Structure formats: C-alpha cells, structure tokens
Amino acid sequence: MKMPRRLNIYCSSCRKHTNHTVQRSRPRKRGELRKGQRRFRRKVKPTGKTRGARGYPKSSQKREKPTKRPDLRYVCNVCKKAQTKPGFRTKTLEFTD
C-alpha cells in the first residue's frame, strides 16, 4: 500500500489542522534485564543432570500472520508533538512524497 509521507490532520496539541510527517517506528531490542526475561533465561539455562534436555520452551506450532499492523507516528511540523492512530493491516507499506 502506498501512503503519503505528509498529511494534513488535526493536532490535539495545536488544536487545529496542521501538516504532519508520518514515521514508521521499528521495534526496539527487548530488555535483557527485565524480570520476565531474567526468569526465562534462568529456566532455559542448562544445569544439573538434564544439561539442557528439558523440552522448554516448546516450539510453537502457530503460523505467522500474512499481514502486519504497522506502528505509525504522526509528528506535527509546528509543535513537534507525535501522536499515534490505530493501525491497519497491510502486507507492504511504502511512503510516497
């Protein structure tokens, strides 16, 4: 799907319609020091008699969805505030100028 790079939409901070630049945010690396991640690493680490032959975590049988919902950020060109809107399903997303 092709989408314009600049849109004229309502800015809740300026309280009027202004030009916005559309950015696609990428997922960042997961935090290794989070509590759940530390618990996961401790569970997976091979210790004792098993030496890693535990069967955890089991491989998932779920398939990957054919389309993704992109995370779009709309940045106001006047006040530089960013806002997000609900995403939409699309296989590819291309920005046009």
C-alpha atoms as a PDB file:
ATOM      1  CA  MET A   1       0.000   0.000   0.000  1.00  0.00           C
ATOM      2  CA  LYS A   2       1.255   3.472  -0.850  1.00  0.00           C
ATOM      3  CA  MET A   3       0.807   6.243   1.702  1.00  0.00           C
ATOM      4  CA  PRO A   4       1.815   9.913   1.540  1.00  0.00           C
ATOM      5  CA  ARG A   5       4.727  10.972   3.744  1.00  0.00           C
ATOM      6  CA  ARG A   6       2.974  14.229   4.749  1.00  0.00           C
ATOM      7  CA  LEU A   7      -0.667  14.542   5.827  1.00  0.00           C
ATOM      8  CA  ASN A   8      -2.828  17.451   6.915  1.00  0.00           C
ATOM      9  CA  ILE A   9      -4.563  16.128  10.037  1.00  0.00           C
ATOM     10  CA  TYR A  10      -5.811  17.502  13.351  1.00  0.00           C
ATOM     11  CA  CYS A  11      -3.229  18.153  16.061  1.00  0.00           C
ATOM     12  CA  SER A  12      -4.676  17.916  19.560  1.00  0.00           C
ATOM     13  CA  SER A  13      -1.831  20.000  20.972  1.00  0.00           C
ATOM     14  CA  CYS A  14      -2.196  22.892  18.494  1.00  0.00           C
ATOM     15  CA  ARG A  15      -5.990  22.381  18.366  1.00  0.00           C
ATOM     16  CA  LYS A  16      -6.110  22.871  14.616  1.00  0.00           C
ATOM     17  CA  HIS A  17      -5.285  21.065  11.380  1.00  0.00           C
ATOM     18  CA  THR A  18      -1.561  21.152  10.621  1.00  0.00           C
ATOM     19  CA  ASN A  19       0.851  19.275   8.391  1.00  0.00           C
ATOM     20  CA  HIS A  20       2.149  16.057   9.925  1.00  0.00           C
ATOM     21  CA  THR A  21       5.055  13.855   8.900  1.00  0.00           C
ATOM     22  CA  VAL A  22       4.354  10.126   9.013  1.00  0.00           C
ATOM     23  CA  GLN A  23       7.057   7.904  10.508  1.00  0.00           C
ATOM     24  CA  ARG A  24       7.104   4.156  10.879  1.00  0.00           C
ATOM     25  CA  SER A  25       8.621   3.106  14.189  1.00  0.00           C
ATOM     26  CA  ARG A  26      10.601  -0.101  14.402  1.00  0.00           C
ATOM     27  CA  PRO A  27      10.507  -2.436  17.383  1.00  0.00           C
ATOM     28  CA  ARG A  28      13.493  -1.988  19.663  1.00  0.00           C
ATOM     29  CA  LYS A  29      15.594  -4.747  21.167  1.00  0.00           C
ATOM     30  CA  ARG A  30      13.949  -6.492  24.114  1.00  0.00           C
ATOM     31  CA  GLY A  31      15.359  -5.625  27.536  1.00  0.00           C
ATOM     32  CA  GLU A  32      17.589  -8.373  28.897  1.00  0.00           C
ATOM     33  CA  LEU A  33      17.319  -7.109  32.483  1.00  0.00           C
ATOM     34  CA  ARG A  34      13.517  -7.231  32.716  1.00  0.00           C
ATOM     35  CA  LYS A  35      12.111  -9.596  35.310  1.00  0.00           C
ATOM     36  CA  GLY A  36      10.347 -11.873  32.847  1.00  0.00           C
ATOM     37  CA  GLN A  37      13.399 -12.114  30.608  1.00  0.00           C
ATOM     38  CA  ARG A  38      15.632 -12.997  33.569  1.00  0.00           C
ATOM     39  CA  ARG A  39      13.160 -15.700  34.623  1.00  0.00           C
ATOM     40  CA  PHE A  40      13.129 -17.067  31.057  1.00  0.00           C
ATOM     41  CA  ARG A  41      16.935 -17.162  30.838  1.00  0.00           C
ATOM     42  CA  ARG A  42      17.153 -18.914  34.220  1.00  0.00           C
ATOM     43  CA  LYS A  43      14.636 -21.520  33.091  1.00  0.00           C
ATOM     44  CA  VAL A  44      16.412 -22.212  29.808  1.00  0.00           C
ATOM     45  CA  LYS A  45      19.956 -22.324  31.224  1.00  0.00           C
ATOM     46  CA  PRO A  46      21.172 -25.968  31.300  1.00  0.00           C
ATOM     47  CA  THR A  47      22.056 -27.050  34.851  1.00  0.00           C
ATOM     48  CA  GLY A  48      22.125 -30.297  36.792  1.00  0.00           C
ATOM     49  CA  LYS A  49      21.552 -33.736  35.302  1.00  0.00           C
ATOM     50  CA  THR A  50      19.380 -32.585  32.427  1.00  0.00           C
ATOM     51  CA  ARG A  51      22.094 -30.466  30.770  1.00  0.00           C
ATOM     52  CA  GLY A  52      19.621 -28.649  28.566  1.00  0.00           C
ATOM     53  CA  ALA A  53      17.410 -31.599  27.596  1.00  0.00           C
ATOM     54  CA  ARG A  54      14.313 -30.121  29.178  1.00  0.00           C
ATOM     55  CA  GLY A  55      11.912 -29.507  26.341  1.00  0.00           C
ATOM     56  CA  TYR A  56      11.287 -25.937  27.493  1.00  0.00           C
ATOM     57  CA  PRO A  57      10.304 -23.726  25.802  1.00  0.00           C
ATOM     58  CA  LYS A  58       8.384 -25.903  23.403  1.00  0.00           C
ATOM     59  CA  SER A  59       8.416 -24.868  19.780  1.00  0.00           C
ATOM     60  CA  SER A  60       5.248 -23.090  18.781  1.00  0.00           C
ATOM     61  CA  GLN A  61       3.032 -24.560  16.080  1.00  0.00           C
ATOM     62  CA  LYS A  62       1.441 -21.206  15.298  1.00  0.00           C
ATOM     63  CA  ARG A  63       1.988 -19.795  11.861  1.00  0.00           C
ATOM     64  CA  GLU A  64       2.950 -16.217  11.188  1.00  0.00           C
ATOM     65  CA  LYS A  65       0.183 -13.879  10.101  1.00  0.00           C
ATOM     66  CA  PRO A  66       0.380 -12.874   6.425  1.00  0.00           C
ATOM     67  CA  THR A  67      -0.116  -9.178   7.170  1.00  0.00           C
ATOM     68  CA  LYS A  68       1.149  -6.826   9.861  1.00  0.00           C
ATOM     69  CA  ARG A  69      -0.263  -3.730  11.513  1.00  0.00           C
ATOM     70  CA  PRO A  70       2.418  -1.052  11.143  1.00  0.00           C
ATOM     71  CA  ASP A  71       3.047   1.307  14.046  1.00  0.00           C
ATOM     72  CA  LEU A  72       2.724   4.788  12.549  1.00  0.00           C
ATOM     73  CA  ARG A  73       3.707   8.005  14.313  1.00  0.00           C
ATOM     74  CA  TYR A  74       2.301  11.296  13.100  1.00  0.00           C
ATOM     75  CA  VAL A  75       4.656  14.159  14.043  1.00  0.00           C
ATOM     76  CA  CYS A  76       3.287  17.708  13.916  1.00  0.00           C
ATOM     77  CA  ASN A  77       5.530  20.072  11.944  1.00  0.00           C
ATOM     78  CA  VAL A  78       4.510  23.061  14.112  1.00  0.00           C
ATOM     79  CA  CYS A  79       4.813  21.824  17.717  1.00  0.00           C
ATOM     80  CA  LYS A  80       6.810  18.604  17.016  1.00  0.00           C
ATOM     81  CA  LYS A  81       4.415  16.508  19.132  1.00  0.00           C
ATOM     82  CA  ALA A  82       3.887  12.929  17.970  1.00  0.00           C
ATOM     83  CA  GLN A  83       0.622  11.031  18.072  1.00  0.00           C
ATOM     84  CA  THR A  84      -0.359   7.515  17.085  1.00  0.00           C
ATOM     85  CA  LYS A  85      -3.529   6.293  15.440  1.00  0.00           C
ATOM     86  CA  PRO A  86      -4.911   2.752  15.255  1.00  0.00           C
ATOM     87  CA  GLY A  87      -3.008   0.747  12.654  1.00  0.00           C
ATOM     88  CA  PHE A  88      -4.410  -1.077   9.653  1.00  0.00           C
ATOM     89  CA  ARG A  89      -3.478  -4.406   8.157  1.00  0.00           C
ATOM     90  CA  THR A  90      -1.259  -4.295   5.095  1.00  0.00           C
ATOM     91  CA  LYS A  91       1.354  -6.602   3.627  1.00  0.00           C
ATOM     92  CA  THR A  92       3.683  -3.832   2.465  1.00  0.00           C
ATOM     93  CA  LEU A  93       3.736  -0.131   3.284  1.00  0.00           C
ATOM     94  CA  GLU A  94       5.504   2.373   1.059  1.00  0.00           C
ATOM     95  CA  PHE A  95       5.730   6.110   1.666  1.00  0.00           C
ATOM     96  CA  THR A  96       5.432   8.485  -1.283  1.00  0.00           C
ATOM     97  CA  ASP A  97       6.468  12.145  -1.368  1.00  0.00           C
END
